[in-house]
PDB file of all heavy atoms in Angstrom:
ATOM      1  N   TYR A   1      13.388  38.656  73.169  1.00  0.00           N
ATOM      2  CA  TYR A   1      13.664  39.036  71.791  1.00  0.00           C
ATOM      3  C   TYR A   1      13.867  40.472  71.505  1.00  0.00           C
ATOM      4  O   TYR A   1      14.177  40.947  70.359  1.00  0.00           O
ATOM      5  CB  TYR A   1      12.429  38.577  70.902  1.00  0.00           C
ATOM      6  CG  TYR A   1      12.139  37.088  70.950  1.00  0.00           C
ATOM      7  CD1 TYR A   1      10.995  36.572  71.596  1.00  0.00           C
ATOM      8  CD2 TYR A   1      13.089  36.192  70.454  1.00  0.00           C
ATOM      9  CE1 TYR A   1      10.751  35.199  71.650  1.00  0.00           C
ATOM     10  CE2 TYR A   1      12.865  34.805  70.569  1.00  0.00           C
ATOM     11  CZ  TYR A   1      11.688  34.313  71.149  1.00  0.00           C
ATOM     12  OH  TYR A   1      11.443  32.989  71.183  1.00  0.00           O
ATOM     13  N   ASP A   2      13.710  41.387  72.574  1.00  0.00           N
ATOM     14  CA  ASP A   2      13.905  42.791  72.487  1.00  0.00           C
ATOM     15  C   ASP A   2      12.862  43.311  71.373  1.00  0.00           C
ATOM     16  O   ASP A   2      13.244  44.297  70.562  1.00  0.00           O
ATOM     17  CB  ASP A   2      15.322  43.161  72.097  1.00  0.00           C
ATOM     18  CG  ASP A   2      16.303  42.854  73.166  1.00  0.00           C
ATOM     19  OD1 ASP A   2      15.874  43.148  74.352  1.00  0.00           O
ATOM     20  OD2 ASP A   2      17.395  42.288  72.950  1.00  0.00           O
ATOM     21  N   THR A   3      11.736  42.723  71.413  1.00  0.00           N
ATOM     22  CA  THR A   3      10.658  43.143  70.317  1.00  0.00           C
ATOM     23  C   THR A   3       9.336  43.412  71.015  1.00  0.00           C
ATOM     24  O   THR A   3       8.940  42.607  71.927  1.00  0.00           O
ATOM     25  CB  THR A   3      10.644  41.954  69.263  1.00  0.00           C
ATOM     26  OG1 THR A   3      11.845  41.745  68.639  1.00  0.00           O
ATOM     27  CG2 THR A   3       9.552  42.333  68.192  1.00  0.00           C
ATOM     28  N   PRO A   4       8.534  44.275  70.629  1.00  0.00           N
ATOM     29  CA  PRO A   4       7.188  44.454  71.082  1.00  0.00           C
ATOM     30  C   PRO A   4       6.282  43.470  70.472  1.00  0.00           C
ATOM     31  O   PRO A   4       5.579  43.785  69.540  1.00  0.00           O
ATOM     32  CB  PRO A   4       6.815  45.942  70.668  1.00  0.00           C
ATOM     33  CG  PRO A   4       7.726  46.190  69.491  1.00  0.00           C
ATOM     34  CD  PRO A   4       8.936  45.443  69.602  1.00  0.00           C
ATOM     35  N   ILE A   5       6.317  42.207  70.991  1.00  0.00           N
ATOM     36  CA  ILE A   5       5.642  41.123  70.359  1.00  0.00           C
ATOM     37  C   ILE A   5       4.116  41.314  70.384  1.00  0.00           C
ATOM     38  O   ILE A   5       3.433  40.806  69.390  1.00  0.00           O
ATOM     39  CB  ILE A   5       6.048  39.757  71.002  1.00  0.00           C
ATOM     40  CG1 ILE A   5       5.706  39.758  72.456  1.00  0.00           C
ATOM     41  CG2 ILE A   5       7.490  39.513  70.812  1.00  0.00           C
ATOM     42  CD1 ILE A   5       5.897  38.390  73.208  1.00  0.00           C
ATOM     43  N   TYR A   6       3.535  41.983  71.306  1.00  0.00           N
ATOM     44  CA  TYR A   6       2.095  42.135  71.315  1.00  0.00           C
ATOM     45  C   TYR A   6       1.645  43.104  70.192  1.00  0.00           C
ATOM     46  O   TYR A   6       0.545  43.000  69.633  1.00  0.00           O
ATOM     47  CB  TYR A   6       1.552  42.566  72.663  1.00  0.00           C
ATOM     48  CG  TYR A   6       1.757  41.537  73.737  1.00  0.00           C
ATOM     49  CD1 TYR A   6       2.864  41.611  74.668  1.00  0.00           C
ATOM     50  CD2 TYR A   6       0.941  40.314  73.805  1.00  0.00           C
ATOM     51  CE1 TYR A   6       2.955  40.690  75.668  1.00  0.00           C
ATOM     52  CE2 TYR A   6       1.111  39.459  74.776  1.00  0.00           C
ATOM     53  CZ  TYR A   6       2.132  39.527  75.680  1.00  0.00           C
ATOM     54  OH  TYR A   6       2.380  38.571  76.597  1.00  0.00           O
ATOM     55  N   SER A   7       2.513  43.997  69.927  1.00  0.00           N
ATOM     56  CA  SER A   7       2.202  44.941  68.773  1.00  0.00           C
ATOM     57  C   SER A   7       2.315  44.162  67.465  1.00  0.00           C
ATOM     58  O   SER A   7       1.693  44.450  66.475  1.00  0.00           O
ATOM     59  CB  SER A   7       3.263  46.028  68.775  1.00  0.00           C
ATOM     60  OG  SER A   7       2.928  47.006  69.709  1.00  0.00           O
ATOM     61  N   VAL A   8       3.132  43.054  67.421  1.00  0.00           N
ATOM     62  CA  VAL A   8       3.222  42.234  66.229  1.00  0.00           C
ATOM     63  C   VAL A   8       1.879  41.576  66.063  1.00  0.00           C
ATOM     64  O   VAL A   8       1.399  41.535  64.882  1.00  0.00           O
ATOM     65  CB  VAL A   8       4.349  41.118  66.457  1.00  0.00           C
ATOM     66  CG1 VAL A   8       4.307  40.205  65.204  1.00  0.00           C
ATOM     67  CG2 VAL A   8       5.742  41.765  66.609  1.00  0.00           C
ATOM     68  N   PHE A   9       1.275  41.030  67.083  1.00  0.00           N
ATOM     69  CA  PHE A   9       0.027  40.407  66.996  1.00  0.00           C
ATOM     70  C   PHE A   9      -1.058  41.356  66.494  1.00  0.00           C
ATOM     71  O   PHE A   9      -1.983  41.097  65.665  1.00  0.00           O
ATOM     72  CB  PHE A   9      -0.395  39.815  68.293  1.00  0.00           C
ATOM     73  CG  PHE A   9       0.504  38.747  68.879  1.00  0.00           C
ATOM     74  CD1 PHE A   9       0.746  38.623  70.227  1.00  0.00           C
ATOM     75  CD2 PHE A   9       1.167  37.832  67.997  1.00  0.00           C
ATOM     76  CE1 PHE A   9       1.669  37.584  70.691  1.00  0.00           C
ATOM     77  CE2 PHE A   9       2.095  36.878  68.437  1.00  0.00           C
ATOM     78  CZ  PHE A   9       2.318  36.740  69.822  1.00  0.00           C
ATOM     79  N   LEU A  10      -0.988  42.579  67.096  1.00  0.00           N
ATOM     80  CA  LEU A  10      -1.965  43.656  66.695  1.00  0.00           C
ATOM     81  C   LEU A  10      -1.863  43.946  65.312  1.00  0.00           C
ATOM     82  O   LEU A  10      -2.854  44.069  64.501  1.00  0.00           O
ATOM     83  CB  LEU A  10      -1.868  44.821  67.546  1.00  0.00           C
ATOM     84  CG  LEU A  10      -2.758  46.010  67.295  1.00  0.00           C
ATOM     85  CD1 LEU A  10      -4.222  45.542  67.541  1.00  0.00           C
ATOM     86  CD2 LEU A  10      -2.394  47.233  68.239  1.00  0.00           C
ATOM     87  N   ALA A  11      -0.620  44.188  64.767  1.00  0.00           N
ATOM     88  CA  ALA A  11      -0.366  44.607  63.409  1.00  0.00           C
ATOM     89  C   ALA A  11      -0.868  43.483  62.440  1.00  0.00           C
ATOM     90  O   ALA A  11      -1.562  43.727  61.399  1.00  0.00           O
ATOM     91  CB  ALA A  11       1.132  44.818  63.172  1.00  0.00           C
ATOM     92  N   ALA A  12      -0.648  42.190  62.794  1.00  0.00           N
ATOM     93  CA  ALA A  12      -1.061  41.137  61.986  1.00  0.00           C
ATOM     94  C   ALA A  12      -2.583  41.022  61.870  1.00  0.00           C
ATOM     95  O   ALA A  12      -3.160  40.826  60.809  1.00  0.00           O
ATOM     96  CB  ALA A  12      -0.460  39.780  62.466  1.00  0.00           C
ATOM     97  N   THR A  13      -3.264  41.184  63.098  1.00  0.00           N
ATOM     98  CA  THR A  13      -4.659  41.154  63.093  1.00  0.00           C
ATOM     99  C   THR A  13      -5.373  42.213  62.376  1.00  0.00           C
ATOM    100  O   THR A  13      -6.269  41.999  61.562  1.00  0.00           O
ATOM    101  CB  THR A  13      -5.136  41.218  64.579  1.00  0.00           C
ATOM    102  OG1 THR A  13      -4.553  40.112  65.373  1.00  0.00           O
ATOM    103  CG2 THR A  13      -6.678  41.100  64.737  1.00  0.00           C
ATOM    104  N   LEU A  14      -4.894  43.389  62.451  1.00  0.00           N
ATOM    105  CA  LEU A  14      -5.457  44.635  61.677  1.00  0.00           C
ATOM    106  C   LEU A  14      -5.319  44.415  60.208  1.00  0.00           C
ATOM    107  O   LEU A  14      -6.115  44.760  59.417  1.00  0.00           O
ATOM    108  CB  LEU A  14      -4.800  45.898  62.182  1.00  0.00           C
ATOM    109  CG  LEU A  14      -5.052  46.272  63.630  1.00  0.00           C
ATOM    110  CD1 LEU A  14      -4.261  47.468  63.997  1.00  0.00           C
ATOM    111  CD2 LEU A  14      -6.579  46.613  63.746  1.00  0.00           C
ATOM    112  N   THR A  15      -4.131  43.825  59.840  1.00  0.00           N
ATOM    113  CA  THR A  15      -3.856  43.651  58.386  1.00  0.00           C
ATOM    114  C   THR A  15      -4.816  42.511  57.838  1.00  0.00           C
ATOM    115  O   THR A  15      -5.313  42.699  56.740  1.00  0.00           O
ATOM    116  CB  THR A  15      -2.366  43.227  58.155  1.00  0.00           C
ATOM    117  OG1 THR A  15      -1.612  44.120  58.803  1.00  0.00           O
ATOM    118  CG2 THR A  15      -2.089  43.078  56.703  1.00  0.00           C
ATOM    119  N   VAL A  16      -5.011  41.544  58.580  1.00  0.00           N
ATOM    120  CA  VAL A  16      -5.921  40.429  58.155  1.00  0.00           C
ATOM    121  C   VAL A  16      -7.325  40.964  58.037  1.00  0.00           C
ATOM    122  O   VAL A  16      -8.011  40.676  57.026  1.00  0.00           O
ATOM    123  CB  VAL A  16      -5.901  39.183  59.193  1.00  0.00           C
ATOM    124  CG1 VAL A  16      -7.041  38.275  58.847  1.00  0.00           C
ATOM    125  CG2 VAL A  16      -4.543  38.537  59.013  1.00  0.00           C
ATOM    126  N   ILE A  17      -7.794  41.741  58.998  1.00  0.00           N
ATOM    127  CA  ILE A  17      -9.141  42.277  58.974  1.00  0.00           C
ATOM    128  C   ILE A  17      -9.358  43.174  57.798  1.00  0.00           C
ATOM    129  O   ILE A  17     -10.412  43.007  57.047  1.00  0.00           O
ATOM    130  CB  ILE A  17      -9.453  43.069  60.287  1.00  0.00           C
ATOM    131  CG1 ILE A  17      -9.539  42.111  61.449  1.00  0.00           C
ATOM    132  CG2 ILE A  17     -10.762  43.863  60.173  1.00  0.00           C
ATOM    133  CD1 ILE A  17      -9.628  42.798  62.761  1.00  0.00           C
ATOM    134  N   LEU A  18      -8.453  44.060  57.493  1.00  0.00           N
ATOM    135  CA  LEU A  18      -8.560  44.973  56.348  1.00  0.00           C
ATOM    136  C   LEU A  18      -8.662  44.141  54.996  1.00  0.00           C
ATOM    137  O   LEU A  18      -9.434  44.362  54.117  1.00  0.00           O
ATOM    138  CB  LEU A  18      -7.489  45.939  56.272  1.00  0.00           C
ATOM    139  CG  LEU A  18      -7.464  46.944  55.126  1.00  0.00           C
ATOM    140  CD1 LEU A  18      -8.808  47.820  55.126  1.00  0.00           C
ATOM    141  CD2 LEU A  18      -6.241  47.848  55.123  1.00  0.00           C
ATOM    142  N   THR A  19      -7.743  43.206  54.918  1.00  0.00           N
ATOM    143  CA  THR A  19      -7.774  42.299  53.663  1.00  0.00           C
ATOM    144  C   THR A  19      -8.997  41.581  53.496  1.00  0.00           C
ATOM    145  O   THR A  19      -9.608  41.529  52.380  1.00  0.00           O
ATOM    146  CB  THR A  19      -6.479  41.373  53.737  1.00  0.00           C
ATOM    147  OG1 THR A  19      -5.346  42.151  53.987  1.00  0.00           O
ATOM    148  CG2 THR A  19      -6.331  40.720  52.385  1.00  0.00           C
ATOM    149  N   LEU A  20      -9.504  41.056  54.568  1.00  0.00           N
ATOM    150  CA  LEU A  20     -10.760  40.262  54.485  1.00  0.00           C
ATOM    151  C   LEU A  20     -11.944  41.164  54.152  1.00  0.00           C
ATOM    152  O   LEU A  20     -12.832  40.703  53.306  1.00  0.00           O
ATOM    153  CB  LEU A  20     -11.036  39.548  55.875  1.00  0.00           C
ATOM    154  CG  LEU A  20     -10.336  38.364  56.173  1.00  0.00           C
ATOM    155  CD1 LEU A  20     -10.647  37.892  57.648  1.00  0.00           C
ATOM    156  CD2 LEU A  20     -10.674  37.225  55.233  1.00  0.00           C
ATOM    157  N   LEU A  21     -12.003  42.353  54.645  1.00  0.00           N
ATOM    158  CA  LEU A  21     -13.178  43.224  54.416  1.00  0.00           C
ATOM    159  C   LEU A  21     -13.049  43.914  53.046  1.00  0.00           C
ATOM    160  O   LEU A  21     -14.218  44.162  52.525  1.00  0.00           O
ATOM    161  CB  LEU A  21     -13.263  44.375  55.464  1.00  0.00           C
ATOM    162  CG  LEU A  21     -13.542  43.848  56.852  1.00  0.00           C
ATOM    163  CD1 LEU A  21     -13.524  45.113  57.831  1.00  0.00           C
ATOM    164  CD2 LEU A  21     -14.910  43.181  56.890  1.00  0.00           C
ATOM    165  N   THR A  22     -11.995  44.077  52.446  1.00  0.00           N
ATOM    166  CA  THR A  22     -11.934  44.758  51.197  1.00  0.00           C
ATOM    167  C   THR A  22     -11.688  43.877  49.980  1.00  0.00           C
ATOM    168  O   THR A  22     -12.368  43.880  48.984  1.00  0.00           O
ATOM    169  CB  THR A  22     -10.790  45.794  51.192  1.00  0.00           C
ATOM    170  OG1 THR A  22      -9.515  45.157  51.465  1.00  0.00           O
ATOM    171  CG2 THR A  22     -11.020  46.873  52.207  1.00  0.00           C
ATOM    172  N   ARG A  23     -10.623  43.073  50.063  1.00  0.00           N
ATOM    173  CA  ARG A  23     -10.254  42.141  48.936  1.00  0.00           C
ATOM    174  C   ARG A  23     -10.097  42.908  47.625  1.00  0.00           C
ATOM    175  O   ARG A  23     -10.438  42.374  46.521  1.00  0.00           O
ATOM    176  CB  ARG A  23     -11.257  41.021  48.835  1.00  0.00           C
ATOM    177  CG  ARG A  23     -11.221  40.117  50.020  1.00  0.00           C
ATOM    178  CD  ARG A  23     -12.253  38.963  49.781  1.00  0.00           C
ATOM    179  NE  ARG A  23     -13.598  39.484  49.959  1.00  0.00           N
ATOM    180  CZ  ARG A  23     -14.747  38.933  49.438  1.00  0.00           C
ATOM    181  NH1 ARG A  23     -14.643  37.721  48.853  1.00  0.00           N
ATOM    182  NH2 ARG A  23     -15.917  39.422  49.722  1.00  0.00           N
ATOM    183  N   ASN A  24      -9.627  44.077  47.699  1.00  0.00           N
ATOM    184  CA  ASN A  24      -9.427  44.852  46.504  1.00  0.00           C
ATOM    185  C   ASN A  24      -8.115  45.710  46.620  1.00  0.00           C
ATOM    186  O   ASN A  24      -8.041  46.653  47.398  1.00  0.00           O
ATOM    187  CB  ASN A  24     -10.629  45.884  46.303  1.00  0.00           C
ATOM    188  CG  ASN A  24     -10.670  46.559  45.030  1.00  0.00           C
ATOM    189  OD1 ASN A  24      -9.777  47.366  44.742  1.00  0.00           O
ATOM    190  ND2 ASN A  24     -11.630  46.371  44.235  1.00  0.00           N
ATOM    191  N   LEU A  25      -7.157  45.329  45.784  1.00  0.00           N
ATOM    192  CA  LEU A  25      -5.798  45.986  45.896  1.00  0.00           C
ATOM    193  C   LEU A  25      -5.876  47.469  45.595  1.00  0.00           C
ATOM    194  O   LEU A  25      -5.163  48.262  46.208  1.00  0.00           O
ATOM    195  CB  LEU A  25      -4.878  45.233  44.929  1.00  0.00           C
ATOM    196  CG  LEU A  25      -3.364  45.707  44.898  1.00  0.00           C
ATOM    197  CD1 LEU A  25      -2.877  45.642  46.316  1.00  0.00           C
ATOM    198  CD2 LEU A  25      -2.630  45.030  43.965  1.00  0.00           C
ATOM    199  N   TYR A  26      -6.808  47.798  44.562  1.00  0.00           N
ATOM    200  CA  TYR A  26      -6.839  49.168  44.137  1.00  0.00           C
ATOM    201  C   TYR A  26      -7.304  50.119  45.342  1.00  0.00           C
ATOM    202  O   TYR A  26      -6.759  51.117  45.618  1.00  0.00           O
ATOM    203  CB  TYR A  26      -7.709  49.302  42.959  1.00  0.00           C
ATOM    204  CG  TYR A  26      -7.594  50.597  42.203  1.00  0.00           C
ATOM    205  CD1 TYR A  26      -6.487  50.800  41.351  1.00  0.00           C
ATOM    206  CD2 TYR A  26      -8.487  51.662  42.316  1.00  0.00           C
ATOM    207  CE1 TYR A  26      -6.287  51.997  40.653  1.00  0.00           C
ATOM    208  CE2 TYR A  26      -8.318  52.849  41.667  1.00  0.00           C
ATOM    209  CZ  TYR A  26      -7.199  53.041  40.832  1.00  0.00           C
ATOM    210  OH  TYR A  26      -7.053  54.134  40.131  1.00  0.00           O
ATOM    211  N   PHE A  27      -8.379  49.566  46.061  1.00  0.00           N
ATOM    212  CA  PHE A  27      -8.899  50.371  47.162  1.00  0.00           C
ATOM    213  C   PHE A  27      -7.819  50.424  48.319  1.00  0.00           C
ATOM    214  O   PHE A  27      -7.640  51.458  48.934  1.00  0.00           O
ATOM    215  CB  PHE A  27     -10.187  49.759  47.675  1.00  0.00           C
ATOM    216  CG  PHE A  27     -10.717  50.324  48.977  1.00  0.00           C
ATOM    217  CD1 PHE A  27     -11.174  51.578  49.077  1.00  0.00           C
ATOM    218  CD2 PHE A  27     -10.592  49.533  50.180  1.00  0.00           C
ATOM    219  CE1 PHE A  27     -11.582  52.113  50.290  1.00  0.00           C
ATOM    220  CE2 PHE A  27     -11.041  50.088  51.342  1.00  0.00           C
ATOM    221  CZ  PHE A  27     -11.498  51.417  51.371  1.00  0.00           C
ATOM    222  N   ILE A  28      -7.181  49.291  48.567  1.00  0.00           N
ATOM    223  CA  ILE A  28      -6.227  49.200  49.695  1.00  0.00           C
ATOM    224  C   ILE A  28      -5.070  50.217  49.393  1.00  0.00           C
ATOM    225  O   ILE A  28      -4.581  50.979  50.254  1.00  0.00           O
ATOM    226  CB  ILE A  28      -5.697  47.851  49.793  1.00  0.00           C
ATOM    227  CG1 ILE A  28      -6.782  46.820  50.401  1.00  0.00           C
ATOM    228  CG2 ILE A  28      -4.542  47.798  50.826  1.00  0.00           C
ATOM    229  CD1 ILE A  28      -6.405  45.464  50.402  1.00  0.00           C
ATOM    230  N   ALA A  29      -4.547  50.224  48.109  1.00  0.00           N
ATOM    231  CA  ALA A  29      -3.511  51.148  47.672  1.00  0.00           C
ATOM    232  C   ALA A  29      -4.043  52.579  47.837  1.00  0.00           C
ATOM    233  O   ALA A  29      -3.274  53.539  48.305  1.00  0.00           O
ATOM    234  CB  ALA A  29      -3.101  50.821  46.230  1.00  0.00           C
ATOM    235  N   SER A  30      -5.230  52.901  47.533  1.00  0.00           N
ATOM    236  CA  SER A  30      -5.747  54.308  47.689  1.00  0.00           C
ATOM    237  C   SER A  30      -5.817  54.678  49.128  1.00  0.00           C
ATOM    238  O   SER A  30      -5.475  55.786  49.397  1.00  0.00           O
ATOM    239  CB  SER A  30      -7.139  54.358  46.939  1.00  0.00           C
ATOM    240  OG  SER A  30      -7.123  53.976  45.659  1.00  0.00           O
ATOM    241  N   LEU A  31      -6.402  53.765  49.953  1.00  0.00           N
ATOM    242  CA  LEU A  31      -6.466  54.081  51.400  1.00  0.00           C
ATOM    243  C   LEU A  31      -5.079  54.322  52.006  1.00  0.00           C
ATOM    244  O   LEU A  31      -4.857  55.190  52.751  1.00  0.00           O
ATOM    245  CB  LEU A  31      -7.147  52.963  52.103  1.00  0.00           C
ATOM    246  CG  LEU A  31      -7.317  53.095  53.604  1.00  0.00           C
ATOM    247  CD1 LEU A  31      -8.216  54.249  53.889  1.00  0.00           C
ATOM    248  CD2 LEU A  31      -7.955  51.800  54.166  1.00  0.00           C
ATOM    249  N   SER A  32      -4.156  53.476  51.544  1.00  0.00           N
ATOM    250  CA  SER A  32      -2.808  53.631  52.125  1.00  0.00           C
ATOM    251  C   SER A  32      -2.139  54.912  51.675  1.00  0.00           C
ATOM    252  O   SER A  32      -1.588  55.628  52.471  1.00  0.00           O
ATOM    253  CB  SER A  32      -1.943  52.460  51.562  1.00  0.00           C
ATOM    254  OG  SER A  32      -0.567  52.639  51.893  1.00  0.00           O
ATOM    255  N   THR A  33      -2.287  55.283  50.454  1.00  0.00           N
ATOM    256  CA  THR A  33      -1.754  56.524  49.930  1.00  0.00           C
ATOM    257  C   THR A  33      -2.312  57.663  50.640  1.00  0.00           C
ATOM    258  O   THR A  33      -1.655  58.619  51.084  1.00  0.00           O
ATOM    259  CB  THR A  33      -2.037  56.608  48.435  1.00  0.00           C
ATOM    260  OG1 THR A  33      -1.429  55.456  47.784  1.00  0.00           O
ATOM    261  CG2 THR A  33      -1.316  57.825  47.855  1.00  0.00           C
ATOM    262  N   MET A  34      -3.681  57.762  50.815  1.00  0.00           N
ATOM    263  CA  MET A  34      -4.243  58.868  51.411  1.00  0.00           C
ATOM    264  C   MET A  34      -3.837  58.988  52.885  1.00  0.00           C
ATOM    265  O   MET A  34      -3.607  60.100  53.403  1.00  0.00           O
ATOM    266  CB  MET A  34      -5.806  58.753  51.363  1.00  0.00           C
ATOM    267  CG  MET A  34      -6.536  59.991  51.812  1.00  0.00           C
ATOM    268  SD  MET A  34      -8.285  60.050  51.300  1.00  0.00           S
ATOM    269  CE  MET A  34      -8.915  58.753  52.428  1.00  0.00           C
TER     270      MET A  34
END
């Protein structure tokens, strides 16, 4: 696929973990911005 597929798995996992732990869009937006 000419794609770093293991980095895809890592990106998805990290995103899921952050969403599960925070569940707050305002905080996520603040963390992203900073």
